[in-house]
Amino acid sequence: HAVTGACMAVRRDEFDALDGFDTGYLIGDFEDS
């Protein structure tokens, strides 16, 4: 379903196209999923 952000690998171009991690969460939790 999802994997952890403690260690994850992605392609740079795809990550940029998705605008990276969402910064709307408070402190932590759920950014990786």
All heavy atoms as atom14 arrays in JSON, in Angstrom:
{
  "sequence": "HAVTGACMAVRRDEFDALDGFDTGYLIGDFEDS",
  "atom14_mask": [
    [1, 1, 1, 1, 1, 1, 1, 1, 1, 1, 0, 0, 0, 0],
    [1, 1, 1, 1, 1, 0, 0, 0, 0, 0, 0, 0, 0, 0],
    [1, 1, 1, 1, 1, 1, 1, 0, 0, 0, 0, 0, 0, 0],
    [1, 1, 1, 1, 1, 1, 1, 0, 0, 0, 0, 0, 0, 0],
    [1, 1, 1, 1, 0, 0, 0, 0, 0, 0, 0, 0, 0, 0],
    [1, 1, 1, 1, 1, 0, 0, 0, 0, 0, 0, 0, 0, 0],
    [1, 1, 1, 1, 1, 1, 0, 0, 0, 0, 0, 0, 0, 0],
    [1, 1, 1, 1, 1, 1, 1, 1, 0, 0, 0, 0, 0, 0],
    [1, 1, 1, 1, 1, 0, 0, 0, 0, 0, 0, 0, 0, 0],
    [1, 1, 1, 1, 1, 1, 1, 0, 0, 0, 0, 0, 0, 0],
    [1, 1, 1, 1, 1, 1, 1, 1, 1, 1, 1, 0, 0, 0],
    [1, 1, 1, 1, 1, 1, 1, 1, 1, 1, 1, 0, 0, 0],
    [1, 1, 1, 1, 1, 1, 1, 1, 0, 0, 0, 0, 0, 0],
    [1, 1, 1, 1, 1, 1, 1, 1, 1, 0, 0, 0, 0, 0],
    [1, 1, 1, 1, 1, 1, 1, 1, 1, 1, 1, 0, 0, 0],
    [1, 1, 1, 1, 1, 1, 1, 1, 0, 0, 0, 0, 0, 0],
    [1, 1, 1, 1, 1, 0, 0, 0, 0, 0, 0, 0, 0, 0],
    [1, 1, 1, 1, 1, 1, 1, 1, 0, 0, 0, 0, 0, 0],
    [1, 1, 1, 1, 1, 1, 1, 1, 0, 0, 0, 0, 0, 0],
    [1, 1, 1, 1, 0, 0, 0, 0, 0, 0, 0, 0, 0, 0],
    [1, 1, 1, 1, 1, 1, 1, 1, 1, 1, 1, 0, 0, 0],
    [1, 1, 1, 1, 1, 1, 1, 1, 0, 0, 0, 0, 0, 0],
    [1, 1, 1, 1, 1, 1, 1, 0, 0, 0, 0, 0, 0, 0],
    [1, 1, 1, 1, 0, 0, 0, 0, 0, 0, 0, 0, 0, 0],
    [1, 1, 1, 1, 1, 1, 1, 1, 1, 1, 1, 1, 0, 0],
    [1, 1, 1, 1, 1, 1, 1, 1, 0, 0, 0, 0, 0, 0],
    [1, 1, 1, 1, 1, 1, 1, 1, 0, 0, 0, 0, 0, 0],
    [1, 1, 1, 1, 0, 0, 0, 0, 0, 0, 0, 0, 0, 0],
    [1, 1, 1, 1, 1, 1, 1, 1, 0, 0, 0, 0, 0, 0],
    [1, 1, 1, 1, 1, 1, 1, 1, 1, 1, 1, 0, 0, 0],
    [1, 1, 1, 1, 1, 1, 1, 1, 1, 0, 0, 0, 0, 0],
    [1, 1, 1, 1, 1, 1, 1, 1, 0, 0, 0, 0, 0, 0],
    [1, 1, 1, 1, 1, 1, 0, 0, 0, 0, 0, 0, 0, 0]
  ],
  "atom14_positions": [
    [[0.84, -1.2, 0.0], [0.0, 0.0, 0.0], [0.87, 1.25, 0.0], [0.6, 2.22, -0.71], [-0.9, 0.03, 1.24], [-1.98, -0.99, 1.22], [-2.78, -1.25, 2.32], [-2.44, -1.82, 0.24], [-3.66, -2.19, 2.02], [-3.46, -2.55, 0.76], [0.0, 0.0, 0.0], [0.0, 0.0, 0.0], [0.0, 0.0, 0.0], [0.0, 0.0, 0.0]],
    [[1.91, 1.23, 0.84], [2.85, 2.35, 0.96], [4.11, 1.81, 1.61], [4.16, 0.65, 2.05], [2.25, 3.48, 1.79], [0.0, 0.0, 0.0], [0.0, 0.0, 0.0], [0.0, 0.0, 0.0], [0.0, 0.0, 0.0], [0.0, 0.0, 0.0], [0.0, 0.0, 0.0], [0.0, 0.0, 0.0], [0.0, 0.0, 0.0], [0.0, 0.0, 0.0]],
    [[5.15, 2.65, 1.65], [6.4, 2.26, 2.31], [6.9, 3.44, 3.14], [6.44, 4.58, 2.98], [7.48, 1.82, 1.3], [7.08, 0.52, 0.62], [7.74, 2.91, 0.26], [0.0, 0.0, 0.0], [0.0, 0.0, 0.0], [0.0, 0.0, 0.0], [0.0, 0.0, 0.0], [0.0, 0.0, 0.0], [0.0, 0.0, 0.0], [0.0, 0.0, 0.0]],
    [[7.84, 3.16, 4.01], [8.29, 4.15, 4.97], [9.27, 5.16, 4.39], [10.09, 4.84, 3.53], [8.95, 3.45, 6.17], [9.37, 4.45, 7.13], [10.18, 2.67, 5.75], [0.0, 0.0, 0.0], [0.0, 0.0, 0.0], [0.0, 0.0, 0.0], [0.0, 0.0, 0.0], [0.0, 0.0, 0.0], [0.0, 0.0, 0.0], [0.0, 0.0, 0.0]],
    [[9.19, 6.38, 4.92], [10.14, 7.42, 4.55], [11.44, 7.34, 5.33], [12.35, 8.13, 5.07], [0.0, 0.0, 0.0], [0.0, 0.0, 0.0], [0.0, 0.0, 0.0], [0.0, 0.0, 0.0], [0.0, 0.0, 0.0], [0.0, 0.0, 0.0], [0.0, 0.0, 0.0], [0.0, 0.0, 0.0], [0.0, 0.0, 0.0], [0.0, 0.0, 0.0]],
    [[11.56, 6.39, 6.26], [12.82, 6.23, 6.99], [13.95, 5.84, 6.04], [15.11, 6.17, 6.29], [12.67, 5.19, 8.09], [0.0, 0.0, 0.0], [0.0, 0.0, 0.0], [0.0, 0.0, 0.0], [0.0, 0.0, 0.0], [0.0, 0.0, 0.0], [0.0, 0.0, 0.0], [0.0, 0.0, 0.0], [0.0, 0.0, 0.0], [0.0, 0.0, 0.0]],
    [[13.6, 5.14, 4.97], [14.55, 4.87, 3.89], [13.74, 4.52, 2.65], [13.07, 3.48, 2.62], [15.5, 3.73, 4.26], [16.71, 3.39, 2.95], [0.0, 0.0, 0.0], [0.0, 0.0, 0.0], [0.0, 0.0, 0.0], [0.0, 0.0, 0.0], [0.0, 0.0, 0.0], [0.0, 0.0, 0.0], [0.0, 0.0, 0.0], [0.0, 0.0, 0.0]],
    [[13.78, 5.37, 1.65], [13.08, 5.11, 0.4], [13.86, 5.72, -0.76], [14.51, 6.76, -0.62], [11.65, 5.65, 0.43], [11.53, 7.13, 0.66], [9.89, 7.82, 0.23], [8.77, 6.79, 1.15], [0.0, 0.0, 0.0], [0.0, 0.0, 0.0], [0.0, 0.0, 0.0], [0.0, 0.0, 0.0], [0.0, 0.0, 0.0], [0.0, 0.0, 0.0]],
    [[13.81, 5.05, -1.89], [14.5, 5.5, -3.1], [13.47, 5.85, -4.17], [12.48, 5.14, -4.34], [15.45, 4.42, -3.61], [0.0, 0.0, 0.0], [0.0, 0.0, 0.0], [0.0, 0.0, 0.0], [0.0, 0.0, 0.0], [0.0, 0.0, 0.0], [0.0, 0.0, 0.0], [0.0, 0.0, 0.0], [0.0, 0.0, 0.0], [0.0, 0.0, 0.0]],
    [[13.74, 6.94, -4.9], [12.86, 7.4, -5.97], [13.71, 7.92, -7.12], [14.9, 8.19, -6.96], [11.91, 8.53, -5.49], [11.03, 8.07, -4.34], [12.72, 9.77, -5.09], [0.0, 0.0, 0.0], [0.0, 0.0, 0.0], [0.0, 0.0, 0.0], [0.0, 0.0, 0.0], [0.0, 0.0, 0.0], [0.0, 0.0, 0.0], [0.0, 0.0, 0.0]],
    [[13.08, 8.07, -8.29], [13.74, 8.74, -9.41], [13.55, 10.24, -9.25], [12.46, 10.72, -8.95], [13.12, 8.27, -10.73], [13.24, 6.77, -10.97], [12.56, 6.36, -12.27], [12.49, 4.9, -12.37], [11.48, 4.17, -11.91], [10.45, 4.78, -11.33], [11.5, 2.86, -12.02], [0.0, 0.0, 0.0], [0.0, 0.0, 0.0], [0.0, 0.0, 0.0]],
    [[14.61, 10.98, -9.51], [14.59, 12.43, -9.29], [13.51, 13.11, -10.14], [12.75, 13.95, -9.65], [15.96, 13.01, -9.6], [16.03, 14.53, -9.65], [15.75, 15.14, -8.29], [15.82, 16.58, -8.32], [16.93, 17.28, -8.09], [18.06, 16.66, -7.86], [16.91, 18.58, -8.1], [0.0, 0.0, 0.0], [0.0, 0.0, 0.0], [0.0, 0.0, 0.0]],
    [[13.42, 12.78, -11.41], [12.48, 13.48, -12.29], [11.03, 13.25, -11.87], [10.22, 14.17, -11.91], [12.72, 13.09, -13.75], [12.58, 11.6, -14.01], [12.56, 10.81, -13.04], [12.51, 11.2, -15.19], [0.0, 0.0, 0.0], [0.0, 0.0, 0.0], [0.0, 0.0, 0.0], [0.0, 0.0, 0.0], [0.0, 0.0, 0.0], [0.0, 0.0, 0.0]],
    [[10.7, 12.04, -11.46], [9.33, 11.75, -11.02], [9.01, 12.45, -9.71], [7.89, 12.96, -9.52], [9.12, 10.24, -10.89], [9.19, 9.51, -12.23], [9.25, 8.0, -12.08], [9.4, 7.51, -10.94], [9.14, 7.32, -13.12], [0.0, 0.0, 0.0], [0.0, 0.0, 0.0], [0.0, 0.0, 0.0], [0.0, 0.0, 0.0], [0.0, 0.0, 0.0]],
    [[9.96, 12.47, -8.81], [9.77, 13.14, -7.52], [9.51, 14.63, -7.75], [8.6, 15.21, -7.14], [11.01, 12.94, -6.64], [10.93, 13.58, -5.29], [10.25, 12.97, -4.25], [11.56, 14.79, -5.05], [10.18, 13.56, -2.99], [11.5, 15.39, -3.8], [10.81, 14.77, -2.77], [0.0, 0.0, 0.0], [0.0, 0.0, 0.0], [0.0, 0.0, 0.0]],
    [[10.29, 15.25, -8.63], [10.08, 16.67, -8.93], [8.73, 16.9, -9.57], [8.04, 17.89, -9.27], [11.19, 17.17, -9.85], [12.54, 17.27, -9.14], [12.55, 17.23, -7.89], [13.57, 17.39, -9.83], [0.0, 0.0, 0.0], [0.0, 0.0, 0.0], [0.0, 0.0, 0.0], [0.0, 0.0, 0.0], [0.0, 0.0, 0.0], [0.0, 0.0, 0.0]],
    [[8.32, 16.01, -10.47], [7.03, 16.18, -11.16], [5.86, 16.1, -10.19], [4.8, 16.69, -10.43], [6.89, 15.12, -12.25], [0.0, 0.0, 0.0], [0.0, 0.0, 0.0], [0.0, 0.0, 0.0], [0.0, 0.0, 0.0], [0.0, 0.0, 0.0], [0.0, 0.0, 0.0], [0.0, 0.0, 0.0], [0.0, 0.0, 0.0], [0.0, 0.0, 0.0]],
    [[6.04, 15.39, -9.09], [4.99, 15.26, -8.07], [5.08, 16.33, -6.99], [4.33, 16.3, -6.01], [5.07, 13.87, -7.42], [4.69, 12.69, -8.32], [5.04, 11.37, -7.65], [3.21, 12.73, -8.68], [0.0, 0.0, 0.0], [0.0, 0.0, 0.0], [0.0, 0.0, 0.0], [0.0, 0.0, 0.0], [0.0, 0.0, 0.0], [0.0, 0.0, 0.0]],
    [[6.02, 17.28, -7.17], [6.23, 18.37, -6.2], [6.69, 17.87, -4.84], [6.47, 18.53, -3.81], [4.95, 19.21, -6.03], [4.59, 19.96, -7.3], [5.52, 20.38, -8.03], [3.39, 20.1, -7.59], [0.0, 0.0, 0.0], [0.0, 0.0, 0.0], [0.0, 0.0, 0.0], [0.0, 0.0, 0.0], [0.0, 0.0, 0.0], [0.0, 0.0, 0.0]],
    [[7.33, 16.7, -4.83], [7.96, 16.22, -3.61], [6.99, 15.86, -2.5], [5.81, 15.58, -2.72], [0.0, 0.0, 0.0], [0.0, 0.0, 0.0], [0.0, 0.0, 0.0], [0.0, 0.0, 0.0], [0.0, 0.0, 0.0], [0.0, 0.0, 0.0], [0.0, 0.0, 0.0], [0.0, 0.0, 0.0], [0.0, 0.0, 0.0], [0.0, 0.0, 0.0]],
    [[7.52, 15.87, -1.27], [6.7, 15.58, -0.09], [5.72, 16.72, 0.16], [6.06, 17.89, -0.01], [7.58, 15.39, 1.14], [8.35, 14.1, 1.19], [9.68, 14.06, 0.77], [7.78, 12.93, 1.65], [10.41, 12.88, 0.83], [8.49, 11.75, 1.72], [9.81, 11.72, 1.29], [0.0, 0.0, 0.0], [0.0, 0.0, 0.0], [0.0, 0.0, 0.0]],
    [[4.53, 16.38, 0.61], [3.55, 17.39, 0.98], [3.95, 18.01, 2.32], [4.28, 17.3, 3.27], [2.17, 16.77, 1.09], [1.1, 17.8, 1.39], [0.58, 18.38, 0.44], [0.83, 18.03, 2.59], [0.0, 0.0, 0.0], [0.0, 0.0, 0.0], [0.0, 0.0, 0.0], [0.0, 0.0, 0.0], [0.0, 0.0, 0.0], [0.0, 0.0, 0.0]],
    [[3.93, 19.33, 2.39], [4.37, 20.04, 3.6], [3.21, 20.53, 4.45], [3.38, 21.41, 5.29], [5.26, 21.24, 3.21], [4.54, 22.1, 2.31], [6.54, 20.76, 2.52], [0.0, 0.0, 0.0], [0.0, 0.0, 0.0], [0.0, 0.0, 0.0], [0.0, 0.0, 0.0], [0.0, 0.0, 0.0], [0.0, 0.0, 0.0], [0.0, 0.0, 0.0]],
    [[2.03, 19.95, 4.28], [0.87, 20.4, 5.03], [0.58, 19.64, 6.3], [-0.4, 19.95, 6.99], [0.0, 0.0, 0.0], [0.0, 0.0, 0.0], [0.0, 0.0, 0.0], [0.0, 0.0, 0.0], [0.0, 0.0, 0.0], [0.0, 0.0, 0.0], [0.0, 0.0, 0.0], [0.0, 0.0, 0.0], [0.0, 0.0, 0.0], [0.0, 0.0, 0.0]],
    [[1.42, 18.65, 6.63], [1.2, 17.87, 7.86], [1.91, 18.54, 9.03], [2.88, 19.26, 8.87], [1.7, 16.44, 7.68], [0.86, 15.63, 6.72], [1.17, 15.6, 5.35], [-0.26, 14.93, 7.15], [0.4, 14.87, 4.46], [-1.04, 14.21, 6.26], [-0.7, 14.18, 4.92], [-1.49, 13.47, 4.03], [0.0, 0.0, 0.0], [0.0, 0.0, 0.0]],
    [[1.42, 18.27, 10.22], [1.97, 18.86, 11.44], [3.04, 17.96, 12.03], [2.75, 16.82, 12.42], [0.86, 19.1, 12.46], [1.28, 19.75, 13.79], [1.78, 21.17, 13.56], [0.13, 19.75, 14.79], [0.0, 0.0, 0.0], [0.0, 0.0, 0.0], [0.0, 0.0, 0.0], [0.0, 0.0, 0.0], [0.0, 0.0, 0.0], [0.0, 0.0, 0.0]],
    [[4.27, 18.43, 12.07], [5.43, 17.78, 12.68], [5.85, 16.51, 11.94], [6.93, 16.44, 11.37], [5.2, 17.44, 14.18], [4.92, 18.72, 14.97], [6.42, 16.74, 14.75], [4.66, 18.49, 16.45], [0.0, 0.0, 0.0], [0.0, 0.0, 0.0], [0.0, 0.0, 0.0], [0.0, 0.0, 0.0], [0.0, 0.0, 0.0], [0.0, 0.0, 0.0]],
    [[5.05, 15.47, 11.96], [5.44, 14.2, 11.35], [4.26, 13.26, 11.24], [3.16, 13.6, 11.67], [0.0, 0.0, 0.0], [0.0, 0.0, 0.0], [0.0, 0.0, 0.0], [0.0, 0.0, 0.0], [0.0, 0.0, 0.0], [0.0, 0.0, 0.0], [0.0, 0.0, 0.0], [0.0, 0.0, 0.0], [0.0, 0.0, 0.0], [0.0, 0.0, 0.0]],
    [[4.48, 12.1, 10.66], [3.45, 11.09, 10.42], [2.74, 11.33, 9.09], [2.29, 12.45, 8.82], [2.38, 11.05, 11.53], [2.93, 10.69, 12.9], [3.81, 9.83, 12.96], [2.48, 11.28, 13.88], [0.0, 0.0, 0.0], [0.0, 0.0, 0.0], [0.0, 0.0, 0.0], [0.0, 0.0, 0.0], [0.0, 0.0, 0.0], [0.0, 0.0, 0.0]],
    [[2.65, 10.28, 8.3], [1.83, 10.22, 7.09], [2.43, 10.91, 5.86], [1.89, 10.79, 4.78], [0.41, 10.75, 7.34], [-0.37, 9.92, 8.32], [-0.4, 10.26, 9.66], [-1.05, 8.79, 7.9], [-1.1, 9.49, 10.58], [-1.75, 8.01, 8.81], [-1.78, 8.35, 10.15], [0.0, 0.0, 0.0], [0.0, 0.0, 0.0], [0.0, 0.0, 0.0]],
    [[3.55, 11.63, 6.0], [4.14, 12.24, 4.81], [4.63, 11.18, 3.83], [4.56, 11.38, 2.61], [5.31, 13.17, 5.17], [4.93, 14.39, 5.95], [5.3, 14.27, 7.4], [5.27, 13.14, 7.93], [5.62, 15.3, 8.01], [0.0, 0.0, 0.0], [0.0, 0.0, 0.0], [0.0, 0.0, 0.0], [0.0, 0.0, 0.0], [0.0, 0.0, 0.0]],
    [[5.15, 10.06, 4.35], [5.66, 9.03, 3.47], [4.54, 8.31, 2.72], [4.61, 8.12, 1.5], [6.54, 8.02, 4.23], [5.95, 7.56, 5.55], [4.75, 7.81, 5.8], [6.69, 6.94, 6.34], [0.0, 0.0, 0.0], [0.0, 0.0, 0.0], [0.0, 0.0, 0.0], [0.0, 0.0, 0.0], [0.0, 0.0, 0.0], [0.0, 0.0, 0.0]],
    [[3.46, 7.95, 3.44], [2.35, 7.29, 2.75], [1.64, 8.27, 1.82], [1.14, 7.87, 0.76], [1.36, 6.69, 3.76], [0.91, 7.66, 4.68], [0.0, 0.0, 0.0], [0.0, 0.0, 0.0], [0.0, 0.0, 0.0], [0.0, 0.0, 0.0], [0.0, 0.0, 0.0], [0.0, 0.0, 0.0], [0.0, 0.0, 0.0], [0.0, 0.0, 0.0]]
  ]
}
